[in-house]
N, C-alpha and C. Protein backbone atom coordinates (compact mmCIF):
# COMPACT_ATOMS: atom_id res chain seq x y z
N MET A 1 0.84 -1.15 0.00
CA MET A 1 0.00 0.00 0.00
C MET A 1 0.89 1.23 0.00
N SER A 2 0.68 2.11 -0.94
CA SER A 2 1.53 3.29 -1.03
C SER A 2 0.84 4.48 -0.36
N SER A 3 1.66 5.35 0.16
CA SER A 3 1.11 6.53 0.82
C SER A 3 0.89 7.62 -0.21
N PRO A 4 -0.12 8.45 -0.03
CA PRO A 4 -0.37 9.53 -0.99
C PRO A 4 0.76 10.54 -0.95
N LYS A 5 1.05 11.09 -2.12
CA LYS A 5 2.10 12.10 -2.20
C LYS A 5 1.59 13.40 -1.60
N THR A 6 2.45 14.02 -0.84
CA THR A 6 2.11 15.31 -0.26
C THR A 6 2.98 16.37 -0.90
N ALA A 7 2.43 17.53 -1.05
CA ALA A 7 3.18 18.64 -1.65
C ALA A 7 4.28 19.06 -0.68
N GLN A 8 5.49 19.19 -1.22
CA GLN A 8 6.59 19.65 -0.38
C GLN A 8 6.56 21.15 -0.34
N HIS A 9 6.80 21.68 0.82
CA HIS A 9 6.83 23.13 0.97
C HIS A 9 7.97 23.51 1.89
N THR A 10 8.36 24.75 1.79
CA THR A 10 9.41 25.26 2.65
C THR A 10 8.78 25.73 3.95
N PRO A 11 9.22 25.19 5.06
CA PRO A 11 8.63 25.61 6.32
C PRO A 11 8.98 27.07 6.62
N PRO A 12 8.15 27.74 7.38
CA PRO A 12 8.47 29.13 7.71
C PRO A 12 9.75 29.18 8.54
N PRO A 13 10.48 30.28 8.44
CA PRO A 13 11.73 30.35 9.21
C PRO A 13 11.44 30.33 10.71
N SER A 14 12.36 29.73 11.44
CA SER A 14 12.21 29.70 12.89
C SER A 14 12.37 31.12 13.44
N ALA A 15 11.94 31.29 14.67
CA ALA A 15 12.05 32.60 15.30
C ALA A 15 13.51 33.06 15.38
N SER A 16 14.42 32.12 15.62
CA SER A 16 15.84 32.50 15.71
C SER A 16 16.38 32.94 14.35
N VAL A 17 16.01 32.21 13.29
CA VAL A 17 16.45 32.59 11.94
C VAL A 17 15.88 33.96 11.58
N GLN A 18 14.62 34.16 11.89
CA GLN A 18 13.98 35.44 11.59
C GLN A 18 14.65 36.58 12.35
N ALA A 19 14.98 36.36 13.62
CA ALA A 19 15.65 37.39 14.43
C ALA A 19 17.01 37.75 13.85
N ILE A 20 17.74 36.77 13.37
CA ILE A 20 19.05 37.01 12.78
C ILE A 20 18.92 37.78 11.48
N LEU A 21 17.99 37.37 10.63
CA LEU A 21 17.78 38.08 9.37
C LEU A 21 17.39 39.54 9.61
N GLU A 22 16.49 39.76 10.55
CA GLU A 22 16.06 41.13 10.86
C GLU A 22 17.23 41.96 11.36
N ARG A 23 18.07 41.38 12.17
CA ARG A 23 19.22 42.11 12.71
C ARG A 23 20.21 42.45 11.61
N LEU A 24 20.44 41.52 10.70
CA LEU A 24 21.39 41.76 9.62
C LEU A 24 20.86 42.79 8.62
N GLN A 25 19.55 42.94 8.52
CA GLN A 25 18.99 43.89 7.57
C GLN A 25 19.45 45.31 7.84
N GLY A 26 19.59 45.69 9.08
CA GLY A 26 19.96 47.06 9.36
C GLY A 26 21.34 47.26 9.96
N HIS A 27 22.02 46.17 10.26
CA HIS A 27 23.28 46.32 11.01
C HIS A 27 24.45 45.51 10.45
N ALA A 28 24.33 44.98 9.26
CA ALA A 28 25.39 44.14 8.71
C ALA A 28 26.54 44.99 8.19
N PRO A 29 27.75 44.47 8.12
CA PRO A 29 28.13 43.11 8.51
C PRO A 29 28.29 42.99 10.02
N MET A 30 28.06 41.79 10.51
CA MET A 30 28.18 41.51 11.93
C MET A 30 28.89 40.17 12.13
N THR A 31 29.61 40.07 13.24
CA THR A 31 30.23 38.80 13.61
C THR A 31 29.18 37.95 14.31
N GLY A 32 29.46 36.67 14.44
CA GLY A 32 28.57 35.80 15.19
C GLY A 32 28.38 36.29 16.62
N LYS A 33 29.45 36.76 17.24
CA LYS A 33 29.36 37.26 18.61
C LYS A 33 28.45 38.48 18.67
N GLN A 34 28.58 39.39 17.72
CA GLN A 34 27.72 40.57 17.69
C GLN A 34 26.26 40.17 17.50
N ILE A 35 26.02 39.18 16.66
CA ILE A 35 24.65 38.70 16.46
C ILE A 35 24.11 38.10 17.75
N ARG A 36 24.91 37.29 18.42
CA ARG A 36 24.48 36.69 19.70
C ARG A 36 24.14 37.76 20.71
N GLU A 37 25.00 38.77 20.83
CA GLU A 37 24.77 39.84 21.80
C GLU A 37 23.52 40.65 21.45
N ALA A 38 23.30 40.90 20.16
CA ALA A 38 22.17 41.71 19.72
C ALA A 38 20.83 40.98 19.86
N THR A 39 20.85 39.66 19.65
CA THR A 39 19.61 38.90 19.68
C THR A 39 19.34 38.22 21.02
N GLY A 40 20.40 38.02 21.79
CA GLY A 40 20.24 37.31 23.07
C GLY A 40 20.09 35.80 22.90
N LEU A 41 20.35 35.31 21.69
CA LEU A 41 20.23 33.88 21.43
C LEU A 41 21.49 33.14 21.86
N PRO A 42 21.36 31.87 22.24
CA PRO A 42 22.53 31.07 22.61
C PRO A 42 23.46 30.85 21.41
N ARG A 43 24.73 30.66 21.72
CA ARG A 43 25.77 30.48 20.70
C ARG A 43 25.40 29.37 19.70
N ARG A 44 25.03 28.22 20.21
CA ARG A 44 24.71 27.09 19.34
C ARG A 44 23.54 27.41 18.41
N THR A 45 22.53 28.09 18.93
CA THR A 45 21.37 28.47 18.13
C THR A 45 21.76 29.41 17.01
N VAL A 46 22.60 30.39 17.34
CA VAL A 46 23.03 31.37 16.33
C VAL A 46 23.83 30.68 15.23
N TYR A 47 24.79 29.86 15.59
CA TYR A 47 25.63 29.25 14.57
C TYR A 47 24.89 28.19 13.75
N THR A 48 23.92 27.51 14.35
CA THR A 48 23.08 26.58 13.58
C THR A 48 22.24 27.36 12.57
N ALA A 49 21.65 28.46 13.01
CA ALA A 49 20.84 29.29 12.11
C ALA A 49 21.69 29.90 11.01
N LEU A 50 22.89 30.37 11.35
CA LEU A 50 23.78 30.95 10.34
C LEU A 50 24.17 29.90 9.30
N ARG A 51 24.41 28.68 9.74
CA ARG A 51 24.76 27.61 8.80
C ARG A 51 23.60 27.35 7.84
N LYS A 52 22.37 27.30 8.37
CA LYS A 52 21.21 27.08 7.52
C LYS A 52 21.04 28.22 6.52
N LEU A 53 21.17 29.45 7.00
CA LEU A 53 21.02 30.62 6.13
C LEU A 53 22.08 30.63 5.03
N ARG A 54 23.30 30.24 5.38
CA ARG A 54 24.40 30.18 4.42
C ARG A 54 24.12 29.11 3.36
N GLU A 55 23.66 27.95 3.79
CA GLU A 55 23.36 26.85 2.87
C GLU A 55 22.25 27.24 1.90
N LEU A 56 21.31 28.06 2.36
CA LEU A 56 20.20 28.51 1.51
C LEU A 56 20.57 29.72 0.65
N GLY A 57 21.78 30.24 0.85
CA GLY A 57 22.23 31.39 0.08
C GLY A 57 21.59 32.70 0.51
N LEU A 58 21.06 32.74 1.74
CA LEU A 58 20.39 33.95 2.22
C LEU A 58 21.34 34.92 2.91
N ILE A 59 22.53 34.45 3.26
CA ILE A 59 23.55 35.33 3.83
C ILE A 59 24.88 35.03 3.17
N GLN A 60 25.80 35.96 3.32
CA GLN A 60 27.16 35.76 2.86
C GLN A 60 28.08 35.90 4.06
N GLU A 61 29.28 35.41 3.92
CA GLU A 61 30.23 35.48 5.03
C GLU A 61 31.64 35.70 4.50
N ARG A 62 32.46 36.25 5.37
CA ARG A 62 33.87 36.45 5.03
C ARG A 62 34.67 36.55 6.33
N SER A 63 35.82 35.93 6.34
CA SER A 63 36.70 36.02 7.50
C SER A 63 37.29 37.42 7.58
N SER A 64 37.49 37.87 8.78
CA SER A 64 38.10 39.18 9.00
C SER A 64 39.53 39.16 8.50
N LEU A 65 39.94 40.24 7.87
CA LEU A 65 41.33 40.34 7.42
C LEU A 65 42.26 40.61 8.59
N ARG A 66 41.74 41.22 9.65
CA ARG A 66 42.57 41.51 10.83
C ARG A 66 42.70 40.32 11.76
N ASP A 67 41.62 39.54 11.88
CA ASP A 67 41.60 38.41 12.80
C ASP A 67 40.81 37.28 12.14
N THR A 68 41.50 36.32 11.58
CA THR A 68 40.83 35.26 10.82
C THR A 68 39.96 34.36 11.69
N ARG A 69 40.02 34.54 13.00
CA ARG A 69 39.11 33.79 13.87
C ARG A 69 37.70 34.36 13.83
N GLN A 70 37.58 35.59 13.36
CA GLN A 70 36.27 36.24 13.27
C GLN A 70 35.72 36.14 11.86
N THR A 71 34.44 35.85 11.78
CA THR A 71 33.76 35.79 10.49
C THR A 71 32.64 36.81 10.51
N TYR A 72 32.53 37.57 9.43
CA TYR A 72 31.46 38.56 9.30
C TYR A 72 30.36 38.00 8.41
N PHE A 73 29.12 38.31 8.77
CA PHE A 73 27.95 37.86 8.03
C PHE A 73 27.15 39.07 7.58
N TRP A 74 26.54 38.96 6.39
CA TRP A 74 25.68 40.04 5.88
C TRP A 74 24.73 39.44 4.86
N LEU A 75 23.71 40.24 4.51
CA LEU A 75 22.75 39.83 3.50
C LEU A 75 23.30 40.20 2.13
N PRO A 76 23.15 39.32 1.14
CA PRO A 76 23.64 39.66 -0.19
C PRO A 76 22.81 40.81 -0.77
N GLU A 77 23.45 41.59 -1.62
CA GLU A 77 22.74 42.68 -2.27
C GLU A 77 21.75 42.09 -3.27
N LYS A 78 20.60 42.73 -3.36
CA LYS A 78 19.59 42.26 -4.31
C LYS A 78 19.92 42.79 -5.69
N SER A 79 19.85 41.93 -6.67
CA SER A 79 20.09 42.37 -8.04
C SER A 79 18.78 42.89 -8.63
N HIS A 80 18.89 43.91 -9.44
CA HIS A 80 17.70 44.53 -10.01
C HIS A 80 17.53 44.12 -11.44
């Protein structure tokens, strides 16, 4: 017996992902630490959300030229 096919959809972003996106909209580029401090989210939550956003192409990242231990995150520019 086969199960009926269900339409696949993209789930809405989690509250943590949404908080990070909103913060980056007006304050990018930001480091992970700056995002954690601004949102009050736990370290693991922030970095999990950043990884998901990066995989989806919703944010960009670059290591700091002064301190390669720091990574900056920002929203990509929209093409017109």
